[in-house]
PDB file of N, CA and C in Angstrom:
ATOM      1  N   MET A   1      13.099  11.843 -31.799  1.00  0.00           N
ATOM      2  CA  MET A   1      11.975  12.974 -30.390  1.00  0.00           C
ATOM      3  C   MET A   1      12.840  13.331 -29.732  1.00  0.00           C
ATOM      4  N   ASP A   2      12.834  14.212 -29.133  1.00  0.00           N
ATOM      5  CA  ASP A   2      13.308  15.157 -27.671  1.00  0.00           C
ATOM      6  C   ASP A   2      13.526  14.028 -26.361  1.00  0.00           C
ATOM      7  N   LEU A   3      14.518  14.376 -26.123  1.00  0.00           N
ATOM      8  CA  LEU A   3      14.740  13.634 -24.949  1.00  0.00           C
ATOM      9  C   LEU A   3      13.771  14.232 -23.674  1.00  0.00           C
ATOM     10  N   HIS A   4      13.201  15.648 -23.973  1.00  0.00           N
ATOM     11  CA  HIS A   4      11.960  16.424 -22.802  1.00  0.00           C
ATOM     12  C   HIS A   4      10.937  15.633 -22.871  1.00  0.00           C
ATOM     13  N   VAL A   5      10.581  15.520 -24.361  1.00  0.00           N
ATOM     14  CA  VAL A   5       9.344  14.970 -24.822  1.00  0.00           C
ATOM     15  C   VAL A   5       9.191  13.310 -24.320  1.00  0.00           C
ATOM     16  N   ILE A   6      10.018  12.727 -24.753  1.00  0.00           N
ATOM     17  CA  ILE A   6      10.057  11.342 -23.684  1.00  0.00           C
ATOM     18  C   ILE A   6      10.134  11.522 -22.233  1.00  0.00           C
ATOM     19  N   ALA A   7      10.739  11.880 -21.707  1.00  0.00           N
ATOM     20  CA  ALA A   7      10.554  12.209 -20.466  1.00  0.00           C
ATOM     21  C   ALA A   7       9.099  12.841 -19.696  1.00  0.00           C
ATOM     22  N   HIS A   8       8.693  13.707 -20.367  1.00  0.00           N
ATOM     23  CA  HIS A   8       7.618  14.132 -20.082  1.00  0.00           C
ATOM     24  C   HIS A   8       6.181  13.058 -20.500  1.00  0.00           C
ATOM     25  N   THR A   9       6.118  12.053 -21.291  1.00  0.00           N
ATOM     26  CA  THR A   9       5.290  11.078 -22.016  1.00  0.00           C
ATOM     27  C   THR A   9       5.652   9.895 -20.780  1.00  0.00           C
ATOM     28  N   ALA A  10       6.427  10.009 -20.429  1.00  0.00           N
ATOM     29  CA  ALA A  10       6.718   8.758 -19.371  1.00  0.00           C
ATOM     30  C   ALA A  10       6.264   8.921 -18.004  1.00  0.00           C
ATOM     31  N   GLY A  11       6.398  10.737 -17.623  1.00  0.00           N
ATOM     32  CA  GLY A  11       6.016  11.073 -16.592  1.00  0.00           C
ATOM     33  C   GLY A  11       4.534  10.622 -16.441  1.00  0.00           C
ATOM     34  N   MET A  12       4.039  11.430 -17.404  1.00  0.00           N
ATOM     35  CA  MET A  12       2.325  11.490 -16.952  1.00  0.00           C
ATOM     36  C   MET A  12       1.922   9.585 -17.358  1.00  0.00           C
ATOM     37  N   VAL A  13       2.627   8.756 -17.999  1.00  0.00           N
ATOM     38  CA  VAL A  13       1.948   7.250 -17.839  1.00  0.00           C
ATOM     39  C   VAL A  13       2.487   7.331 -16.598  1.00  0.00           C
ATOM     40  N   PHE A  14       3.597   7.819 -15.836  1.00  0.00           N
ATOM     41  CA  PHE A  14       3.340   6.993 -14.149  1.00  0.00           C
ATOM     42  C   PHE A  14       2.689   7.673 -13.208  1.00  0.00           C
ATOM     43  N   ILE A  15       2.222   8.902 -13.646  1.00  0.00           N
ATOM     44  CA  ILE A  15       1.168   9.755 -12.816  1.00  0.00           C
ATOM     45  C   ILE A  15      -0.016   9.119 -13.206  1.00  0.00           C
ATOM     46  N   PHE A  16      -0.528   8.447 -14.801  1.00  0.00           N
ATOM     47  CA  PHE A  16      -1.649   7.717 -15.045  1.00  0.00           C
ATOM     48  C   PHE A  16      -1.864   6.348 -13.824  1.00  0.00           C
ATOM     49  N   LEU A  17      -0.954   5.675 -13.798  1.00  0.00           N
ATOM     50  CA  LEU A  17      -1.000   4.615 -13.674  1.00  0.00           C
ATOM     51  C   LEU A  17      -1.110   4.297 -11.775  1.00  0.00           C
ATOM     52  N   GLY A  18      -0.695   5.320 -11.137  1.00  0.00           N
ATOM     53  CA  GLY A  18      -0.391   5.830  -9.784  1.00  0.00           C
ATOM     54  C   GLY A  18      -2.387   6.176  -9.271  1.00  0.00           C
ATOM     55  N   ILE A  19      -2.837   6.884 -10.164  1.00  0.00           N
ATOM     56  CA  ILE A  19      -4.330   7.118  -9.839  1.00  0.00           C
ATOM     57  C   ILE A  19      -4.709   6.361 -10.495  1.00  0.00           C
ATOM     58  N   VAL A  20      -4.460   5.534 -11.096  1.00  0.00           N
ATOM     59  CA  VAL A  20      -5.354   3.912 -11.488  1.00  0.00           C
ATOM     60  C   VAL A  20      -5.086   2.837  -9.901  1.00  0.00           C
ATOM     61  N   THR A  21      -4.243   3.183  -9.596  1.00  0.00           N
ATOM     62  CA  THR A  21      -3.859   2.276  -8.505  1.00  0.00           C
ATOM     63  C   THR A  21      -4.426   3.021  -7.476  1.00  0.00           C
ATOM     64  N   ILE A  22      -4.449   3.591  -7.092  1.00  0.00           N
ATOM     65  CA  ILE A  22      -4.960   4.095  -5.990  1.00  0.00           C
ATOM     66  C   ILE A  22      -6.955   4.182  -6.134  1.00  0.00           C
ATOM     67  N   ILE A  23      -7.289   4.432  -7.183  1.00  0.00           N
ATOM     68  CA  ILE A  23      -8.845   4.394  -7.641  1.00  0.00           C
ATOM     69  C   ILE A  23      -9.215   2.604  -7.181  1.00  0.00           C
ATOM     70  N   VAL A  24      -8.081   1.475  -8.090  1.00  0.00           N
ATOM     71  CA  VAL A  24      -8.399   0.408  -7.912  1.00  0.00           C
ATOM     72  C   VAL A  24      -8.368   0.157  -5.815  1.00  0.00           C
ATOM     73  N   ALA A  25      -7.520   0.447  -5.226  1.00  0.00           N
ATOM     74  CA  ALA A  25      -7.676   0.324  -3.882  1.00  0.00           C
ATOM     75  C   ALA A  25      -8.938   1.152  -3.299  1.00  0.00           C
ATOM     76  N   GLY A  26      -9.177   2.749  -3.778  1.00  0.00           N
ATOM     77  CA  GLY A  26     -10.231   2.752  -2.851  1.00  0.00           C
ATOM     78  C   GLY A  26     -11.233   1.981  -3.315  1.00  0.00           C
ATOM     79  N   ILE A  27     -11.401   1.397  -4.624  1.00  0.00           N
ATOM     80  CA  ILE A  27     -12.786   0.355  -4.909  1.00  0.00           C
ATOM     81  C   ILE A  27     -12.805  -0.916  -3.646  1.00  0.00           C
ATOM     82  N   GLY A  28     -11.615  -1.234  -3.500  1.00  0.00           N
ATOM     83  CA  GLY A  28     -11.094  -2.408  -2.584  1.00  0.00           C
ATOM     84  C   GLY A  28     -11.898  -2.364  -1.611  1.00  0.00           C
ATOM     85  N   LEU A  29     -11.888  -0.846  -1.201  1.00  0.00           N
ATOM     86  CA  LEU A  29     -12.343  -0.598   0.318  1.00  0.00           C
ATOM     87  C   LEU A  29     -13.496  -0.858   0.281  1.00  0.00           C
ATOM     88  N   PHE A  30     -14.460  -0.990  -0.330  1.00  0.00           N
ATOM     89  CA  PHE A  30     -16.092  -0.940  -0.679  1.00  0.00           C
ATOM     90  C   PHE A  30     -15.949  -2.386  -1.469  1.00  0.00           C
ATOM     91  N   ARG A  31     -15.684  -3.428  -1.693  1.00  0.00           N
ATOM     92  CA  ARG A  31     -15.853  -4.219  -2.389  1.00  0.00           C
ATOM     93  C   ARG A  31     -15.299  -5.531  -1.634  1.00  0.00           C
ATOM     94  N   LEU A  32     -14.318  -5.334  -0.653  1.00  0.00           N
ATOM     95  CA  LEU A  32     -13.472  -6.507  -0.142  1.00  0.00           C
ATOM     96  C   LEU A  32     -14.222  -6.755   1.605  1.00  0.00           C
ATOM     97  N   PRO A  33     -14.344  -8.259   1.421  1.00  0.00           N
ATOM     98  CA  PRO A  33     -15.121  -8.455   2.738  1.00  0.00           C
ATOM     99  C   PRO A  33     -14.806  -8.327   4.173  1.00  0.00           C
ATOM    100  N   ASP A  34     -13.609  -8.230   4.071  1.00  0.00           N
ATOM    101  CA  ASP A  34     -13.352  -7.645   5.694  1.00  0.00           C
ATOM    102  C   ASP A  34     -11.756  -7.127   6.131  1.00  0.00           C
ATOM    103  N   LEU A  35     -11.470  -6.768   7.548  1.00  0.00           N
ATOM    104  CA  LEU A  35     -10.205  -5.887   7.411  1.00  0.00           C
ATOM    105  C   LEU A  35      -9.232  -5.754   7.104  1.00  0.00           C
ATOM    106  N   TYR A  36      -8.939  -7.366   6.878  1.00  0.00           N
ATOM    107  CA  TYR A  36      -7.584  -8.088   6.751  1.00  0.00           C
ATOM    108  C   TYR A  36      -6.908  -7.706   5.420  1.00  0.00           C
ATOM    109  N   LEU A  37      -8.266  -7.728   4.446  1.00  0.00           N
ATOM    110  CA  LEU A  37      -7.688  -7.873   3.080  1.00  0.00           C
ATOM    111  C   LEU A  37      -8.021  -6.620   3.060  1.00  0.00           C
ATOM    112  N   ARG A  38      -8.936  -5.450   3.222  1.00  0.00           N
ATOM    113  CA  ARG A  38      -8.589  -4.202   2.884  1.00  0.00           C
ATOM    114  C   ARG A  38      -7.500  -3.225   3.479  1.00  0.00           C
ATOM    115  N   ALA A  39      -7.112  -3.641   4.514  1.00  0.00           N
ATOM    116  CA  ALA A  39      -5.985  -2.908   5.088  1.00  0.00           C
ATOM    117  C   ALA A  39      -4.601  -4.149   4.125  1.00  0.00           C
ATOM    118  N   SER A  40      -4.563  -4.628   3.374  1.00  0.00           N
ATOM    119  CA  SER A  40      -3.508  -5.161   2.406  1.00  0.00           C
ATOM    120  C   SER A  40      -3.671  -4.581   1.139  1.00  0.00           C
ATOM    121  N   ALA A  41      -4.994  -4.514   0.904  1.00  0.00           N
ATOM    122  CA  ALA A  41      -5.247  -3.890  -0.612  1.00  0.00           C
ATOM    123  C   ALA A  41      -4.568  -2.142  -0.428  1.00  0.00           C
ATOM    124  N   VAL A  42      -5.130  -1.710   0.338  1.00  0.00           N
ATOM    125  CA  VAL A  42      -5.018  -0.018   0.863  1.00  0.00           C
ATOM    126  C   VAL A  42      -3.505   0.159   0.705  1.00  0.00           C
ATOM    127  N   GLY A  43      -2.959  -0.958   1.850  1.00  0.00           N
ATOM    128  CA  GLY A  43      -1.416  -0.329   2.177  1.00  0.00           C
ATOM    129  C   GLY A  43      -0.519  -0.829   0.904  1.00  0.00           C
ATOM    130  N   THR A  44      -0.790  -1.739   0.582  1.00  0.00           N
ATOM    131  CA  THR A  44      -0.236  -2.170  -1.077  1.00  0.00           C
ATOM    132  C   THR A  44      -0.217  -1.267  -2.222  1.00  0.00           C
ATOM    133  N   SER A  45      -1.537  -1.031  -2.487  1.00  0.00           N
ATOM    134  CA  SER A  45      -2.263   0.156  -3.585  1.00  0.00           C
ATOM    135  C   SER A  45      -1.679   1.567  -3.628  1.00  0.00           C
ATOM    136  N   ALA A  46      -1.866   2.030  -1.985  1.00  0.00           N
ATOM    137  CA  ALA A  46      -1.523   3.200  -1.602  1.00  0.00           C
ATOM    138  C   ALA A  46      -0.178   3.601  -2.044  1.00  0.00           C
ATOM    139  N   GLY A  47       0.765   2.768  -1.460  1.00  0.00           N
ATOM    140  CA  GLY A  47       2.313   2.730  -1.177  1.00  0.00           C
ATOM    141  C   GLY A  47       2.615   2.407  -2.722  1.00  0.00           C
ATOM    142  N   LEU A  48       2.470   1.806  -3.486  1.00  0.00           N
ATOM    143  CA  LEU A  48       2.486   2.057  -4.950  1.00  0.00           C
ATOM    144  C   LEU A  48       2.525   2.970  -5.953  1.00  0.00           C
ATOM    145  N   GLY A  49       0.906   3.640  -5.603  1.00  0.00           N
ATOM    146  CA  GLY A  49       0.486   4.287  -6.053  1.00  0.00           C
ATOM    147  C   GLY A  49       1.147   5.697  -6.147  1.00  0.00           C
ATOM    148  N   VAL A  50       1.241   6.435  -4.663  1.00  0.00           N
ATOM    149  CA  VAL A  50       1.848   7.396  -4.608  1.00  0.00           C
ATOM    150  C   VAL A  50       3.478   7.514  -4.978  1.00  0.00           C
ATOM    151  N   ALA A  51       3.834   6.321  -4.452  1.00  0.00           N
ATOM    152  CA  ALA A  51       5.507   6.198  -5.421  1.00  0.00           C
ATOM    153  C   ALA A  51       5.385   6.536  -6.811  1.00  0.00           C
ATOM    154  N   SER A  52       4.220   6.020  -7.716  1.00  0.00           N
ATOM    155  CA  SER A  52       4.031   6.212  -8.813  1.00  0.00           C
ATOM    156  C   SER A  52       4.281   7.284  -9.501  1.00  0.00           C
ATOM    157  N   ILE A  53       3.204   8.181  -8.901  1.00  0.00           N
ATOM    158  CA  ILE A  53       2.753   9.804  -9.302  1.00  0.00           C
ATOM    159  C   ILE A  53       4.190  10.395  -8.933  1.00  0.00           C
ATOM    160  N   VAL A  54       4.716  10.107  -7.425  1.00  0.00           N
ATOM    161  CA  VAL A  54       5.886  10.790  -7.371  1.00  0.00           C
ATOM    162  C   VAL A  54       7.011  10.516  -8.651  1.00  0.00           C
ATOM    163  N   LEU A  55       7.297   9.521  -8.632  1.00  0.00           N
ATOM    164  CA  LEU A  55       8.498   9.162  -9.705  1.00  0.00           C
ATOM    165  C   LEU A  55       7.922   9.741 -11.062  1.00  0.00           C
ATOM    166  N   GLY A  56       6.472   9.768 -11.210  1.00  0.00           N
ATOM    167  CA  GLY A  56       5.848  10.839 -12.892  1.00  0.00           C
ATOM    168  C   GLY A  56       6.279  12.233 -12.768  1.00  0.00           C
ATOM    169  N   VAL A  57       6.406  12.669 -11.591  1.00  0.00           N
ATOM    170  CA  VAL A  57       6.147  13.903 -11.022  1.00  0.00           C
ATOM    171  C   VAL A  57       7.843  14.187 -11.417  1.00  0.00           C
ATOM    172  N   LEU A  58       8.434  13.209 -10.820  1.00  0.00           N
ATOM    173  CA  LEU A  58      10.250  13.367 -10.749  1.00  0.00           C
ATOM    174  C   LEU A  58      10.907  13.640 -12.095  1.00  0.00           C
ATOM    175  N   LEU A  59      10.144  12.759 -13.244  1.00  0.00           N
ATOM    176  CA  LEU A  59      10.089  12.539 -14.666  1.00  0.00           C
ATOM    177  C   LEU A  59      10.305  13.910 -15.671  1.00  0.00           C
ATOM    178  N   MET A  60       8.648  14.128 -14.834  1.00  0.00           N
ATOM    179  CA  MET A  60       8.439  15.588 -15.561  1.00  0.00           C
ATOM    180  C   MET A  60       8.989  16.751 -15.325  1.00  0.00           C
ATOM    181  N   ASP A  61       9.790  16.783 -14.392  1.00  0.00           N
ATOM    182  CA  ASP A  61      10.495  18.117 -13.810  1.00  0.00           C
ATOM    183  C   ASP A  61      11.781  17.526 -12.979  1.00  0.00           C
ATOM    184  N   PHE A  62      12.586  17.142 -13.891  1.00  0.00           N
ATOM    185  CA  PHE A  62      13.937  16.444 -13.321  1.00  0.00           C
ATOM    186  C   PHE A  62      15.137  17.607 -13.198  1.00  0.00           C
ATOM    187  N   SER A  63      15.518  17.328 -11.299  1.00  0.00           N
ATOM    188  CA  SER A  63      16.478  18.027 -11.314  1.00  0.00           C
ATOM    189  C   SER A  63      17.441  17.183  -9.992  1.00  0.00           C
ATOM    190  N   TRP A  64      18.499  17.084 -10.290  1.00  0.00           N
ATOM    191  CA  TRP A  64      19.449  16.452  -8.949  1.00  0.00           C
ATOM    192  C   TRP A  64      18.270  16.685  -7.455  1.00  0.00           C
ATOM    193  N   LEU A  65      18.557  17.872  -7.387  1.00  0.00           N
ATOM    194  CA  LEU A  65      17.321  18.374  -5.729  1.00  0.00           C
ATOM    195  C   LEU A  65      15.896  17.423  -5.440  1.00  0.00           C
ATOM    196  N   ASN A  66      14.939  17.587  -6.588  1.00  0.00           N
ATOM    197  CA  ASN A  66      13.676  16.870  -7.044  1.00  0.00           C
ATOM    198  C   ASN A  66      14.576  14.858  -6.922  1.00  0.00           C
ATOM    199  N   LEU A  67      15.391  14.955  -7.765  1.00  0.00           N
ATOM    200  CA  LEU A  67      15.845  13.428  -7.629  1.00  0.00           C
ATOM    201  C   LEU A  67      16.112  12.841  -6.095  1.00  0.00           C
ATOM    202  N   ILE A  68      16.408  13.781  -5.166  1.00  0.00           N
ATOM    203  CA  ILE A  68      16.653  13.592  -3.907  1.00  0.00           C
ATOM    204  C   ILE A  68      15.421  13.524  -2.826  1.00  0.00           C
ATOM    205  N   LYS A  69      14.821  14.711  -3.542  1.00  0.00           N
ATOM    206  CA  LYS A  69      13.466  14.446  -2.328  1.00  0.00           C
ATOM    207  C   LYS A  69      12.404  12.923  -2.597  1.00  0.00           C
ATOM    208  N   ALA A  70      12.321  13.281  -4.055  1.00  0.00           N
ATOM    209  CA  ALA A  70      11.569  12.131  -4.571  1.00  0.00           C
ATOM    210  C   ALA A  70      12.249  10.575  -3.639  1.00  0.00           C
ATOM    211  N   ALA A  71      13.232  10.621  -4.202  1.00  0.00           N
ATOM    212  CA  ALA A  71      14.109   9.105  -3.507  1.00  0.00           C
ATOM    213  C   ALA A  71      13.433   8.994  -2.058  1.00  0.00           C
ATOM    214  N   VAL A  72      13.787  10.553  -0.947  1.00  0.00           N
ATOM    215  CA  VAL A  72      13.267  10.533   0.060  1.00  0.00           C
ATOM    216  C   VAL A  72      11.276  10.400   0.437  1.00  0.00           C
ATOM    217  N   ALA A  73      10.933  10.770  -0.478  1.00  0.00           N
ATOM    218  CA  ALA A  73       9.601  10.714  -0.526  1.00  0.00           C
ATOM    219  C   ALA A  73       8.856   8.971  -0.844  1.00  0.00           C
ATOM    220  N   ILE A  74       9.855   8.553  -1.612  1.00  0.00           N
ATOM    221  CA  ILE A  74       9.240   7.001  -2.325  1.00  0.00           C
ATOM    222  C   ILE A  74       9.584   6.125  -0.946  1.00  0.00           C
ATOM    223  N   VAL A  75      10.888   6.273  -0.438  1.00  0.00           N
ATOM    224  CA  VAL A  75      10.967   5.285   0.383  1.00  0.00           C
ATOM    225  C   VAL A  75      10.191   5.474   1.466  1.00  0.00           C
ATOM    226  N   ALA A  76      10.061   6.775   1.639  1.00  0.00           N
ATOM    227  CA  ALA A  76       9.150   7.099   3.526  1.00  0.00           C
ATOM    228  C   ALA A  76       7.322   6.426   3.112  1.00  0.00           C
ATOM    229  N   GLN A  77       7.135   6.646   1.778  1.00  0.00           N
ATOM    230  CA  GLN A  77       5.523   6.126   1.643  1.00  0.00           C
ATOM    231  C   GLN A  77       5.878   4.887   1.596  1.00  0.00           C
ATOM    232  N   LEU A  78       6.078   4.054   0.631  1.00  0.00           N
ATOM    233  CA  LEU A  78       6.594   2.360   1.032  1.00  0.00           C
ATOM    234  C   LEU A  78       6.673   1.944   2.230  1.00  0.00           C
ATOM    235  N   LEU A  79       7.484   2.311   3.154  1.00  0.00           N
ATOM    236  CA  LEU A  79       7.575   1.929   4.416  1.00  0.00           C
ATOM    237  C   LEU A  79       6.630   2.515   5.715  1.00  0.00           C
ATOM    238  N   THR A  80       6.202   3.371   5.235  1.00  0.00           N
ATOM    239  CA  THR A  80       4.894   3.755   6.153  1.00  0.00           C
ATOM    240  C   THR A  80       3.591   2.884   5.856  1.00  0.00           C
ATOM    241  N   SER A  81       3.261   2.761   4.939  1.00  0.00           N
ATOM    242  CA  SER A  81       2.298   2.346   3.950  1.00  0.00           C
ATOM    243  C   SER A  81       2.475   1.327   4.728  1.00  0.00           C
ATOM    244  N   ALA A  82       3.057   0.278   4.278  1.00  0.00           N
ATOM    245  CA  ALA A  82       3.524  -0.857   4.865  1.00  0.00           C
ATOM    246  C   ALA A  82       3.209  -1.061   6.048  1.00  0.00           C
ATOM    247  N   VAL A  83       3.714  -0.612   6.974  1.00  0.00           N
ATOM    248  CA  VAL A  83       3.737  -0.523   8.861  1.00  0.00           C
ATOM    249  C   VAL A  83       2.228  -0.301   9.312  1.00  0.00           C
ATOM    250  N   GLY A  84       1.735   1.352   7.940  1.00  0.00           N
ATOM    251  CA  GLY A  84       0.185   1.287   8.782  1.00  0.00           C
ATOM    252  C   GLY A  84      -0.540   0.337   8.714  1.00  0.00           C
ATOM    253  N   SER A  85      -0.302  -0.344   7.321  1.00  0.00           N
ATOM    254  CA  SER A  85      -1.575  -1.698   6.921  1.00  0.00           C
ATOM    255  C   SER A  85      -1.149  -2.497   7.963  1.00  0.00           C
ATOM    256  N   MET A  86       0.067  -3.034   8.206  1.00  0.00           N
ATOM    257  CA  MET A  86       0.696  -3.990   9.005  1.00  0.00           C
ATOM    258  C   MET A  86      -0.638  -3.544  10.631  1.00  0.00           C
ATOM    259  N   ALA A  87      -0.122  -2.389  11.033  1.00  0.00           N
ATOM    260  CA  ALA A  87      -0.616  -2.109  12.513  1.00  0.00           C
ATOM    261  C   ALA A  87      -2.142  -2.047  12.189  1.00  0.00           C
ATOM    262  N   ILE A  88      -2.976  -1.738  11.414  1.00  0.00           N
ATOM    263  CA  ILE A  88      -4.042  -1.729  11.493  1.00  0.00           C
ATOM    264  C   ILE A  88      -4.748  -3.667  11.327  1.00  0.00           C
ATOM    265  N   ALA A  89      -4.085  -4.174  10.936  1.00  0.00           N
ATOM    266  CA  ALA A  89      -4.423  -5.723  10.462  1.00  0.00           C
ATOM    267  C   ALA A  89      -4.376  -5.933  11.957  1.00  0.00           C
ATOM    268  N   ARG A  90      -2.802  -5.900  12.634  1.00  0.00           N
ATOM    269  CA  ARG A  90      -2.788  -6.315  13.848  1.00  0.00           C
ATOM    270  C   ARG A  90      -3.533  -6.075  15.082  1.00  0.00           C
ATOM    271  N   SER A  91      -3.610  -4.287  14.600  1.00  0.00           N
ATOM    272  CA  SER A  91      -5.055  -4.294  15.804  1.00  0.00           C
ATOM    273  C   SER A  91      -6.515  -4.697  15.786  1.00  0.00           C
ATOM    274  N   GLY A  92      -6.803  -5.223  14.667  1.00  0.00           N
ATOM    275  CA  GLY A  92      -7.773  -5.645  14.186  1.00  0.00           C
ATOM    276  C   GLY A  92      -8.163  -7.006  14.521  1.00  0.00           C
ATOM    277  N   TYR A  93      -6.654  -7.624  14.692  1.00  0.00           N
ATOM    278  CA  TYR A  93      -6.822  -8.868  15.180  1.00  0.00           C
ATOM    279  C   TYR A  93      -6.873  -8.875  16.428  1.00  0.00           C
ATOM    280  N   LEU A  94      -6.343  -8.180  16.932  1.00  0.00           N
ATOM    281  CA  LEU A  94      -6.264  -8.136  18.440  1.00  0.00           C
ATOM    282  C   LEU A  94      -7.648  -8.031  19.414  1.00  0.00           C
ATOM    283  N   ASN A  95      -8.013  -6.949  18.598  1.00  0.00           N
ATOM    284  CA  ASN A  95      -9.482  -6.897  19.191  1.00  0.00           C
ATOM    285  C   ASN A  95     -10.804  -7.861  18.025  1.00  0.00           C
ATOM    286  N   ASN A  96     -10.240  -8.898  17.756  1.00  0.00           N
ATOM    287  CA  ASN A  96     -11.310 -10.109  17.583  1.00  0.00           C
ATOM    288  C   ASN A  96     -12.239 -10.200  16.652  1.00  0.00           C
ATOM    289  N   SER A  97     -11.316  -9.105  15.178  1.00  0.00           N
ATOM    290  CA  SER A  97     -12.178  -8.814  14.504  1.00  0.00           C
ATOM    291  C   SER A  97     -11.930 -10.040  13.856  1.00  0.00           C
ATOM    292  N   LEU A  98     -13.287 -10.692  13.269  1.00  0.00           N
ATOM    293  CA  LEU A  98     -13.507 -12.043  12.738  1.00  0.00           C
ATOM    294  C   LEU A  98     -13.402 -11.913  11.194  1.00  0.00           C
ATOM    295  N   PRO A  99     -12.278 -12.500  10.597  1.00  0.00           N
ATOM    296  CA  PRO A  99     -11.853 -12.863   9.395  1.00  0.00           C
ATOM    297  C   PRO A  99     -13.639 -13.279   8.068  1.00  0.00           C
ATOM    298  N   ALA A 100     -12.795 -12.771   7.057  1.00  0.00           N
ATOM    299  CA  ALA A 100     -14.222 -13.464   6.162  1.00  0.00           C
ATOM    300  C   ALA A 100     -14.311 -15.029   6.165  1.00  0.00           C
ATOM    301  N   ALA A 101     -15.555 -15.301   6.014  1.00  0.00           N
ATOM    302  CA  ALA A 101     -15.769 -16.531   6.114  1.00  0.00           C
ATOM    303  C   ALA A 101     -14.900 -17.812   4.890  1.00  0.00           C
ATOM    304  N   ILE A 102     -14.554 -16.669   4.191  1.00  0.00           N
ATOM    305  CA  ILE A 102     -13.372 -17.432   3.187  1.00  0.00           C
ATOM    306  C   ILE A 102     -12.321 -18.119   3.351  1.00  0.00           C
ATOM    307  N   THR A 103     -12.017 -17.110   4.771  1.00  0.00           N
ATOM    308  CA  THR A 103     -10.257 -17.512   5.016  1.00  0.00           C
ATOM    309  C   THR A 103     -10.356 -18.560   5.911  1.00  0.00           C
ATOM    310  N   HIS A 104      -9.877 -19.725   5.628  1.00  0.00           N
ATOM    311  CA  HIS A 104     -10.240 -21.113   5.758  1.00  0.00           C
ATOM    312  C   HIS A 104      -8.755 -21.244   7.557  1.00  0.00           C
ATOM    313  N   THR A 105      -7.835 -20.775   7.541  1.00  0.00           N
ATOM    314  CA  THR A 105      -6.844 -21.208   8.456  1.00  0.00           C
ATOM    315  C   THR A 105      -6.384 -19.608   9.401  1.00  0.00           C
ATOM    316  N   ASP A 106      -6.174 -19.845  10.243  1.00  0.00           N
ATOM    317  CA  ASP A 106      -5.436 -19.081  11.401  1.00  0.00           C
ATOM    318  C   ASP A 106      -4.566 -19.191  11.593  1.00  0.00           C
ATOM    319  N   ASP A 107      -3.259 -18.855  11.685  1.00  0.00           N
ATOM    320  CA  ASP A 107      -1.945 -19.416  11.383  1.00  0.00           C
ATOM    321  C   ASP A 107      -1.504 -18.405  12.796  1.00  0.00           C
ATOM    322  N   LEU A 108      -1.791 -17.323  13.041  1.00  0.00           N
ATOM    323  CA  LEU A 108      -1.272 -16.159  14.357  1.00  0.00           C
ATOM    324  C   LEU A 108      -2.714 -16.974  15.465  1.00  0.00           C
ATOM    325  N   LEU A 109      -3.460 -17.690  15.324  1.00  0.00           N
ATOM    326  CA  LEU A 109      -4.133 -18.150  16.502  1.00  0.00           C
ATOM    327  C   LEU A 109      -3.716 -18.978  17.548  1.00  0.00           C
ATOM    328  N   ARG A 110      -2.210 -20.361  16.974  1.00  0.00           N
ATOM    329  CA  ARG A 110      -1.273 -20.036  17.838  1.00  0.00           C
ATOM    330  C   ARG A 110      -0.064 -19.717  18.545  1.00  0.00           C
ATOM    331  N   THR A 111      -0.249 -18.487  18.199  1.00  0.00           N
ATOM    332  CA  THR A 111       0.954 -17.583  18.594  1.00  0.00           C
ATOM    333  C   THR A 111      -0.011 -16.779  19.943  1.00  0.00           C
ATOM    334  N   ARG A 112      -1.568 -16.769  19.941  1.00  0.00           N
ATOM    335  CA  ARG A 112      -1.663 -15.688  21.046  1.00  0.00           C
ATOM    336  C   ARG A 112      -1.655 -16.545  22.345  1.00  0.00           C
ATOM    337  N   ARG A 113      -1.456 -15.312  23.023  1.00  0.00           N
ATOM    338  CA  ARG A 113      -1.522 -15.754  24.894  1.00  0.00           C
ATOM    339  C   ARG A 113      -2.555 -16.999  25.634  1.00  0.00           C
ATOM    340  N   ASP A 114      -3.907 -16.087  25.297  1.00  0.00           N
ATOM    341  CA  ASP A 114      -5.105 -17.123  25.835  1.00  0.00           C
ATOM    342  C   ASP A 114      -5.497 -17.945  24.527  1.00  0.00           C
ATOM    343  N   TYR A 115      -4.914 -18.317  23.392  1.00  0.00           N
ATOM    344  CA  TYR A 115      -5.414 -19.684  22.892  1.00  0.00           C
ATOM    345  C   TYR A 115      -3.915 -20.565  23.841  1.00  0.00           C
ATOM    346  N   ARG A 116      -2.793 -20.074  23.950  1.00  0.00           N
ATOM    347  CA  ARG A 116      -2.122 -21.241  24.345  1.00  0.00           C
ATOM    348  C   ARG A 116      -2.513 -21.557  26.157  1.00  0.00           C
ATOM    349  N   ARG A 117      -2.947 -20.487  27.128  1.00  0.00           N
ATOM    350  CA  ARG A 117      -3.834 -20.957  28.325  1.00  0.00           C
ATOM    351  C   ARG A 117      -5.017 -22.189  28.050  1.00  0.00           C
ATOM    352  N   GLU A 118      -5.790 -21.606  26.943  1.00  0.00           N
ATOM    353  CA  GLU A 118      -6.851 -22.961  26.683  1.00  0.00           C
ATOM    354  C   GLU A 118      -5.820 -24.330  26.407  1.00  0.00           C
ATOM    355  N   ALA A 119      -5.548 -24.520  25.120  1.00  0.00           N
ATOM    356  CA  ALA A 119      -4.576 -25.221  24.790  1.00  0.00           C
ATOM    357  C   ALA A 119      -3.910 -26.224  25.822  1.00  0.00           C
ATOM    358  N   SER A 120      -3.463 -25.610  27.098  1.00  0.00           N
ATOM    359  CA  SER A 120      -2.539 -26.457  28.117  1.00  0.00           C
ATOM    360  C   SER A 120      -3.840 -27.010  28.825  1.00  0.00           C
TER     361      SER A 120
END
């Protein structure tokens, strides 16, 4: 087999995996019970999904300039999706958004200023 055909096929596989990952994240927005699980699922899935699509496109149309662009895009996507989802979850927590009933522990509760005042 020609190397071009192998790279093209691998690129299509990565694009397909990225699309499936993003679709699963979209389903998670509707199916997961609370803000924290939704933020976690979407942040992780969107970051990996977009990175996978960019990697697939790079494999299908490889050049050194595209490699540099893809590397910057993948690193930026992974960093911003993680930071963004954590910021959303933190904002919800600071605004007293209640977790789902299946959540049993709240380790952050002990670090809140209002909790420390009440416990004293």
